[in-house]
């Protein structure tokens, strides 16, 4: 599965690709240059830590939780359609 765009980065590591299970890189190194979901772990889920103001940190924490919810639910959405 690919995302449209200039780089044509693959959304996730497929369940059958190279016999490595699942889209979350549990048995392979993270590579966000190849897999979009890896970018959640390498960058997106860490952004909230860098906000300096209380309001910025509060908003970032809310957005980070939304991202985490999506990231955690995505594999089961694939399995259950």
C-alpha atoms as a PDB file:
ATOM      1  CA  UNK A   1       0.000   0.000   0.000  1.00  0.00           C
ATOM      2  CA  UNK A   2       1.411   3.392  -0.979  1.00  0.00           C
ATOM      3  CA  UNK A   3       0.615   6.967  -0.157  1.00  0.00           C
ATOM      4  CA  UNK A   4       0.377   9.242  -3.120  1.00  0.00           C
ATOM      5  CA  UNK A   5       3.052  11.844  -3.184  1.00  0.00           C
ATOM      6  CA  UNK A   6       6.395  12.718  -4.613  1.00  0.00           C
ATOM      7  CA  UNK A   7       8.337  10.198  -2.519  1.00  0.00           C
ATOM      8  CA  UNK A   8       5.763   7.375  -2.801  1.00  0.00           C
ATOM      9  CA  UNK A   9       6.504   6.154   0.732  1.00  0.00           C
ATOM     10  CA  UNK A  10       4.874   2.871   1.716  1.00  0.00           C
ATOM     11  CA  UNK A  11       2.263   3.280   4.440  1.00  0.00           C
ATOM     12  CA  UNK A  12       3.338   0.230   6.436  1.00  0.00           C
ATOM     13  CA  UNK A  13       5.352  -2.973   6.230  1.00  0.00           C
ATOM     14  CA  UNK A  14       2.892  -5.586   5.002  1.00  0.00           C
ATOM     15  CA  UNK A  15       2.071  -8.740   6.922  1.00  0.00           C
ATOM     16  CA  UNK A  16       3.666 -10.967   4.297  1.00  0.00           C
ATOM     17  CA  UNK A  17       6.559  -8.834   3.097  1.00  0.00           C
ATOM     18  CA  UNK A  18       9.815 -10.642   3.904  1.00  0.00           C
ATOM     19  CA  UNK A  19       7.910 -12.824   6.388  1.00  0.00           C
ATOM     20  CA  UNK A  20       8.180 -10.134   9.048  1.00  0.00           C
ATOM     21  CA  UNK A  21       4.846  -9.812  10.838  1.00  0.00           C
ATOM     22  CA  UNK A  22       2.946  -6.619  11.177  1.00  0.00           C
ATOM     23  CA  UNK A  23       3.164  -2.942  10.385  1.00  0.00           C
ATOM     24  CA  UNK A  24       4.887  -1.839  13.602  1.00  0.00           C
ATOM     25  CA  UNK A  25       8.541  -2.822  13.071  1.00  0.00           C
ATOM     26  CA  UNK A  26       8.779  -5.106  16.082  1.00  0.00           C
ATOM     27  CA  UNK A  27      11.230  -7.437  14.336  1.00  0.00           C
ATOM     28  CA  UNK A  28      13.034  -5.008  12.065  1.00  0.00           C
ATOM     29  CA  UNK A  29      14.758  -1.644  12.405  1.00  0.00           C
ATOM     30  CA  UNK A  30      12.580   1.443  12.080  1.00  0.00           C
ATOM     31  CA  UNK A  31      12.832   3.060   8.659  1.00  0.00           C
ATOM     32  CA  UNK A  32      10.638   6.115   8.243  1.00  0.00           C
ATOM     33  CA  UNK A  33      12.139   6.781   4.827  1.00  0.00           C
ATOM     34  CA  UNK A  34      10.350   3.621   3.625  1.00  0.00           C
ATOM     35  CA  UNK A  35       7.335   3.220   5.932  1.00  0.00           C
ATOM     36  CA  UNK A  36       5.010   5.989   7.034  1.00  0.00           C
ATOM     37  CA  UNK A  37       3.940   4.256  10.252  1.00  0.00           C
ATOM     38  CA  UNK A  38       7.579   4.076  11.347  1.00  0.00           C
ATOM     39  CA  UNK A  39       7.546   7.896  11.300  1.00  0.00           C
ATOM     40  CA  UNK A  40       5.124   7.801  14.239  1.00  0.00           C
ATOM     41  CA  UNK A  41       7.812   6.167  16.402  1.00  0.00           C
ATOM     42  CA  UNK A  42      10.802   8.042  15.037  1.00  0.00           C
ATOM     43  CA  UNK A  43       9.277  11.524  15.236  1.00  0.00           C
ATOM     44  CA  UNK A  44       5.546  12.171  15.604  1.00  0.00           C
ATOM     45  CA  UNK A  45       5.037  10.527  18.995  1.00  0.00           C
ATOM     46  CA  UNK A  46       8.011  12.460  20.382  1.00  0.00           C
ATOM     47  CA  UNK A  47       7.101  15.986  19.285  1.00  0.00           C
ATOM     48  CA  UNK A  48       5.107  16.889  22.402  1.00  0.00           C
ATOM     49  CA  UNK A  49       8.244  16.665  24.534  1.00  0.00           C
ATOM     50  CA  UNK A  50       9.731  19.729  22.840  1.00  0.00           C
ATOM     51  CA  UNK A  51       7.049  22.329  23.589  1.00  0.00           C
ATOM     52  CA  UNK A  52       8.153  25.068  25.985  1.00  0.00           C
ATOM     53  CA  UNK A  53       5.001  26.925  27.021  1.00  0.00           C
ATOM     54  CA  UNK A  54       2.303  25.404  29.204  1.00  0.00           C
ATOM     55  CA  UNK A  55      -0.380  25.999  26.574  1.00  0.00           C
ATOM     56  CA  UNK A  56       1.791  24.602  23.780  1.00  0.00           C
ATOM     57  CA  UNK A  57       2.605  21.523  25.856  1.00  0.00           C
ATOM     58  CA  UNK A  58      -1.074  21.021  26.702  1.00  0.00           C
ATOM     59  CA  UNK A  59      -2.141  21.199  23.058  1.00  0.00           C
ATOM     60  CA  UNK A  60       0.729  19.009  21.956  1.00  0.00           C
ATOM     61  CA  UNK A  61      -0.187  16.376  24.549  1.00  0.00           C
ATOM     62  CA  UNK A  62      -3.771  16.276  23.237  1.00  0.00           C
ATOM     63  CA  UNK A  63      -2.605  15.891  19.658  1.00  0.00           C
ATOM     64  CA  UNK A  64      -0.039  13.294  20.645  1.00  0.00           C
ATOM     65  CA  UNK A  65      -2.767  11.235  22.305  1.00  0.00           C
ATOM     66  CA  UNK A  66      -4.850  11.399  19.114  1.00  0.00           C
ATOM     67  CA  UNK A  67      -1.855  10.201  17.112  1.00  0.00           C
ATOM     68  CA  UNK A  68      -1.171   7.417  19.619  1.00  0.00           C
ATOM     69  CA  UNK A  69      -4.821   6.298  19.477  1.00  0.00           C
ATOM     70  CA  UNK A  70      -4.664   6.133  15.687  1.00  0.00           C
ATOM     71  CA  UNK A  71      -1.312   4.349  15.732  1.00  0.00           C
ATOM     72  CA  UNK A  72      -2.502   1.771  18.258  1.00  0.00           C
ATOM     73  CA  UNK A  73      -5.813   1.106  16.465  1.00  0.00           C
ATOM     74  CA  UNK A  74      -4.427   0.904  12.932  1.00  0.00           C
ATOM     75  CA  UNK A  75      -3.278  -2.765  12.952  1.00  0.00           C
ATOM     76  CA  UNK A  76      -6.619  -4.014  14.256  1.00  0.00           C
ATOM     77  CA  UNK A  77      -8.401  -1.912  11.644  1.00  0.00           C
ATOM     78  CA  UNK A  78      -6.341  -3.726   9.001  1.00  0.00           C
ATOM     79  CA  UNK A  79      -7.273  -7.120  10.408  1.00  0.00           C
ATOM     80  CA  UNK A  80     -10.983  -6.397  10.818  1.00  0.00           C
ATOM     81  CA  UNK A  81     -11.501  -4.216   7.777  1.00  0.00           C
END
